[in-house]
Protein backbone atom coordinates (compact mmCIF):
# COMPACT_ATOMS: atom_id res chain seq x y z
CA MET A 1 -40.61 0.60 -13.85
CA LYS A 2 -38.41 -1.14 -16.68
CA ASN A 3 -35.54 -3.39 -15.78
CA GLY A 4 -35.77 -1.82 -12.16
CA VAL A 5 -35.41 1.75 -13.38
CA ASP A 6 -38.05 4.27 -12.75
CA ILE A 7 -37.92 6.32 -15.87
CA GLY A 8 -39.44 9.35 -14.17
CA SER A 9 -36.41 9.66 -11.92
CA ALA A 10 -34.09 10.12 -15.16
CA HIS A 11 -36.25 12.11 -17.27
CA THR A 12 -37.72 15.75 -16.51
CA LEU A 13 -40.61 15.63 -18.48
CA LEU A 14 -41.85 12.14 -17.34
CA ALA A 15 -41.35 13.16 -13.92
CA HIS A 16 -44.00 15.59 -14.05
CA GLY A 17 -46.42 12.94 -15.44
CA ASP A 18 -48.48 10.52 -13.51
CA LEU A 19 -47.45 7.02 -12.43
CA ARG A 20 -49.99 5.05 -14.68
CA ALA A 21 -48.49 6.94 -17.87
CA ARG A 22 -44.94 6.21 -16.66
CA GLU A 23 -45.72 2.49 -16.14
CA ALA A 24 -47.56 2.26 -19.55
CA LEU A 25 -44.48 3.89 -21.42
CA ALA A 26 -41.71 1.69 -19.42
CA SER A 27 -43.28 -1.43 -20.83
CA LYS A 28 -42.55 -0.20 -24.27
CA LEU A 29 -39.42 1.72 -24.18
CA GLU A 30 -35.97 0.52 -25.07
CA PRO A 31 -32.85 1.93 -24.04
CA VAL A 32 -30.48 3.44 -26.72
CA ASN A 33 -27.09 5.18 -26.72
CA LEU A 34 -26.88 8.35 -28.88
CA PRO A 35 -23.48 9.42 -30.15
CA VAL A 36 -23.03 12.89 -31.39
CA GLY A 37 -24.28 13.17 -34.89
CA SER A 38 -27.07 10.59 -34.56
CA VAL A 39 -30.11 11.48 -36.77
CA LEU A 40 -33.18 11.03 -34.63
CA VAL A 41 -35.51 12.57 -37.21
CA ALA A 42 -34.70 13.14 -40.85
CA PHE A 43 -36.11 16.01 -42.99
CA GLY A 44 -38.39 14.50 -45.68
CA GLU A 45 -38.88 11.00 -44.01
CA GLU A 46 -41.33 9.36 -42.01
CA THR A 47 -40.49 9.13 -38.28
CA ARG A 48 -40.97 5.74 -36.89
CA GLU A 49 -39.18 6.24 -33.47
CA ALA A 50 -39.75 8.78 -30.73
CA TYR A 51 -37.16 9.30 -27.94
CA PHE A 52 -37.01 10.40 -24.35
CA LEU A 53 -33.56 11.58 -23.65
CA GLN A 54 -31.86 10.78 -20.16
CA ALA A 55 -28.62 12.67 -21.07
CA GLY A 56 -27.40 14.77 -24.10
CA VAL A 57 -28.89 17.54 -26.20
CA ALA A 58 -30.25 17.32 -29.71
CA SER A 59 -30.87 20.14 -32.14
CA VAL A 60 -34.05 20.67 -34.22
CA ILE A 61 -32.98 22.12 -37.61
CA ALA A 62 -35.05 23.76 -40.26
CA ARG A 63 -34.22 23.59 -43.91
CA SER A 64 -34.91 25.83 -46.79
CA PRO A 65 -35.75 24.79 -50.43
CA LYS A 66 -32.17 25.74 -51.27
CA LYS A 67 -30.98 23.55 -48.42
CA LYS A 68 -29.97 26.34 -46.06
CA THR A 69 -30.19 25.30 -42.45
CA SER A 70 -31.03 27.08 -39.21
CA GLU A 71 -31.14 25.68 -35.62
CA ILE A 72 -34.71 26.53 -34.17
CA GLY A 73 -34.44 24.85 -30.72
CA ILE A 74 -32.84 22.20 -28.63
CA ILE A 75 -34.33 19.20 -26.67
CA GLY A 76 -32.77 17.28 -23.82
CA ARG A 77 -34.23 15.29 -20.93
CA GLU A 78 -37.12 17.96 -20.49
CA GLY A 79 -39.04 16.84 -23.79
CA ILE A 80 -39.84 14.24 -26.21
CA ILE A 81 -38.27 13.90 -29.69
CA PRO A 82 -39.98 14.55 -32.16
CA ALA A 83 -42.03 17.45 -30.38
CA LEU A 84 -45.08 16.75 -32.48
CA PRO A 85 -45.21 12.85 -32.48
CA ALA A 86 -48.99 12.96 -33.79
CA LEU A 87 -47.53 14.17 -37.11
CA SER A 88 -44.71 11.65 -37.36
CA ARG A 89 -46.46 9.72 -40.15
CA GLN A 90 -46.03 12.59 -42.47
CA PRO A 91 -42.65 13.41 -43.95
CA SER A 92 -40.76 15.20 -41.32
CA LEU A 93 -40.21 19.13 -41.69
CA PHE A 94 -37.16 19.17 -39.59
CA ASP A 95 -33.89 17.30 -38.86
CA VAL A 96 -33.30 16.50 -35.20
CA ILE A 97 -29.61 15.61 -34.57
CA MET A 98 -27.59 14.91 -31.44
CA LYS A 99 -25.20 17.60 -30.74
CA ILE A 100 -23.98 16.55 -27.25
CA GLU A 101 -23.88 12.78 -26.86
CA GLY A 102 -26.21 11.06 -24.65
CA ARG A 103 -28.51 8.11 -23.99
CA GLY A 104 -32.01 7.58 -23.43
CA TYR A 105 -35.15 5.53 -24.45
CA GLN A 106 -36.92 5.05 -27.73
CA ILE A 107 -40.54 3.83 -28.56
CA SER A 108 -42.15 3.37 -31.71
CA VAL A 109 -44.22 6.18 -32.86
CA GLN A 110 -47.27 3.78 -33.49
CA SER A 111 -47.13 2.49 -29.77
CA LEU A 112 -46.75 5.93 -28.46
CA GLN A 113 -49.79 7.10 -30.52
CA GLU A 114 -51.90 4.30 -29.13
CA MET A 115 -50.95 5.41 -25.66
CA VAL A 116 -51.73 8.85 -26.16
CA GLU A 117 -55.20 7.72 -27.31
CA THR A 118 -56.18 5.90 -24.09
CA LEU A 119 -54.10 8.15 -21.66
CA PRO A 120 -55.38 11.52 -21.48
CA SER A 121 -52.75 12.77 -18.87
CA LEU A 122 -50.17 11.45 -21.13
CA ARG A 123 -51.63 13.57 -24.06
CA GLN A 124 -51.86 16.64 -22.03
CA LEU A 125 -48.38 16.32 -20.79
CA LEU A 126 -47.08 16.06 -24.54
CA ASP A 127 -49.09 18.90 -25.58
CA ARG A 128 -47.71 21.14 -22.83
CA PHE A 129 -44.20 20.25 -24.12
CA VAL A 130 -45.25 21.15 -27.55
CA GLU A 131 -46.38 24.63 -26.37
CA ALA A 132 -43.23 25.19 -24.25
CA PHE A 133 -40.99 24.22 -27.23
CA LEU A 134 -42.80 26.66 -29.66
CA VAL A 135 -42.03 29.39 -27.05
CA GLN A 136 -38.40 28.48 -27.04
CA SER A 137 -38.37 28.45 -30.70
CA ALA A 138 -40.02 31.78 -30.95
CA TYR A 139 -37.47 33.30 -28.51
CA ASN A 140 -34.60 31.66 -30.57
CA ALA A 141 -35.91 33.78 -33.51
CA PHE A 142 -36.32 36.87 -31.29
CA ALA A 143 -32.80 36.42 -30.18
CA ALA A 144 -31.35 36.17 -33.49
CA VAL A 145 -32.65 39.65 -34.52
CA SER A 146 -32.59 41.52 -31.24
CA HIS A 147 -29.52 40.42 -29.13
CA SER A 148 -25.93 40.41 -29.45
CA PRO A 149 -23.67 37.44 -30.24
CA GLU A 150 -22.44 37.68 -26.69
CA GLU A 151 -25.84 37.63 -25.25
CA ARG A 152 -26.88 34.58 -27.72
CA VAL A 153 -23.82 32.51 -26.76
CA ALA A 154 -24.39 32.95 -23.01
CA ARG A 155 -28.05 32.03 -23.54
CA CYS A 156 -27.02 28.99 -25.52
CA LEU A 157 -24.58 27.94 -22.74
CA LEU A 158 -27.32 28.40 -20.07
CA MET A 159 -29.83 26.22 -22.00
CA CYS A 160 -27.23 23.34 -22.55
CA HIS A 161 -26.34 23.77 -18.82
CA ASP A 162 -29.98 23.35 -17.82
CA ARG A 163 -29.94 19.85 -19.67
CA MET A 164 -26.51 18.50 -18.15
CA ASP A 165 -25.83 16.92 -14.70
CA GLY A 166 -22.55 18.97 -14.33
CA ASP A 167 -20.85 22.11 -15.38
CA GLU A 168 -19.09 20.65 -18.36
CA ILE A 169 -20.55 21.26 -21.79
CA PRO A 170 -18.85 19.23 -24.49
CA LEU A 171 -19.39 21.50 -27.57
CA THR A 172 -17.07 22.59 -30.30
CA LYS A 173 -17.10 26.26 -31.24
CA LYS A 174 -18.71 25.20 -34.55
CA SER A 175 -21.63 23.45 -32.89
CA LEU A 176 -21.93 26.39 -30.43
CA SER A 177 -22.04 28.94 -33.32
CA ALA A 178 -24.95 27.15 -34.91
CA MET A 179 -26.99 26.39 -31.82
CA ALA A 180 -26.42 30.32 -30.78
CA LEU A 181 -27.30 31.39 -34.37
CA ALA A 182 -23.98 33.30 -34.20
CA ASP A 183 -20.99 33.47 -36.71
CA TYR A 184 -18.05 31.12 -35.92
CA ASP A 185 -15.70 34.34 -35.71
CA ASP A 186 -18.14 35.75 -33.26
CA VAL A 187 -18.18 32.77 -31.00
CA ALA A 188 -14.39 32.73 -31.26
CA GLU A 189 -14.22 36.31 -29.85
CA VAL A 190 -16.91 36.00 -27.29
CA LEU A 191 -15.54 32.90 -25.31
CA PRO A 192 -12.40 34.58 -24.47
CA ARG A 193 -14.38 37.50 -22.96
CA LEU A 194 -16.24 35.18 -21.02
CA GLU A 195 -13.20 33.52 -19.73
CA ALA A 196 -11.58 36.91 -18.90
CA GLN A 197 -14.58 37.39 -16.65
CA ARG A 198 -14.01 33.89 -15.11
CA LEU A 199 -17.69 32.80 -16.22
CA VAL A 200 -16.54 29.89 -18.23
CA ARG A 201 -13.25 27.98 -19.19
CA SER A 202 -13.25 26.85 -22.82
CA THR A 203 -11.01 24.26 -24.83
CA ARG A 204 -11.34 23.16 -28.44
CA ASN A 205 -14.08 20.79 -27.86
CA ARG A 206 -15.86 21.82 -24.50
CA VAL A 207 -16.88 24.70 -22.23
CA VAL A 208 -17.22 24.49 -18.55
CA VAL A 209 -19.43 26.86 -16.83
CA ASN A 210 -17.64 28.47 -13.78
CA ASN A 211 -20.24 31.20 -12.88
CA ARG A 212 -23.82 30.44 -14.08
CA ALA A 213 -25.14 33.72 -12.33
CA GLY A 214 -22.81 35.77 -14.11
CA LEU A 215 -23.63 34.11 -17.52
CA GLU A 216 -27.40 35.00 -16.71
CA VAL A 217 -26.22 38.61 -16.24
CA VAL A 218 -24.28 38.59 -19.76
CA ALA A 219 -27.46 36.99 -21.30
CA ARG A 220 -29.85 39.54 -19.92
CA ASP A 221 -33.34 39.12 -21.22
CA CYS A 222 -32.36 36.74 -24.08
CA TYR A 223 -32.64 33.94 -21.64
CA GLY A 224 -35.42 32.92 -19.21
CA ARG A 225 -38.74 33.46 -21.08
CA ALA A 226 -38.75 30.08 -22.47
CA GLU A 227 -37.68 28.42 -19.28
CA TYR A 228 -40.40 30.49 -17.28
CA ALA A 229 -42.98 29.03 -19.90
CA TYR A 230 -41.81 25.42 -19.17
CA ARG A 231 -42.12 25.77 -15.56
CA HIS A 232 -45.55 27.45 -15.77
CA LEU A 233 -46.77 24.91 -18.21
CA ILE A 234 -45.15 21.68 -16.79
CA GLY A 235 -42.98 22.11 -13.72
CA GLU A 236 -39.40 22.63 -12.49
CA PHE A 237 -36.95 22.46 -15.26
CA ARG A 238 -33.79 21.26 -13.62
């Protein structure tokens, strides 16, 4: 408990941890608000803070030597940022940037690493999340080469919806195109088709999910494998 708040009740990953680990973490966590664009991890820099999100979504972004970028996964309240805190004293190989405004808790990487050394259950929980995130990243790459823009957009909306409390997803078309690994023009064509099927409603800065089951039909096998892996390794996702 911290300030009367059970962090496990507000964070999916920690809810699957044991009480001892949650209590140890709660003594070190500090609340933080995270606007869109907040850089939680910066490429090439040592990461000094780790984050457990209560709300919002962050994108993990890879860079090439020629400064091209690609979004390789997203993390919300089901995980920890960075996904590999044990490597955080090395220059980061990724950026992690908030794409949907949120809030959460931060803890120094040093404090977290000290806890991991003394709490085997916490180490196991974080290791399982790393494995689940690697599955998500692998299926992002698979979707990019094997599925249509419509399927990838539907998958991205479902993944964001998994990490939201309601049906409203505050994403611009530009952010959605980057997260779905789709061209902006493709997203601009896909959203009206999804609206025509009454699956979503979209405006300039947000998408509202009207029919989740219908989106899953559109996404086909583009969605679900990473979520199955999370449930198998850790527990219920939503």
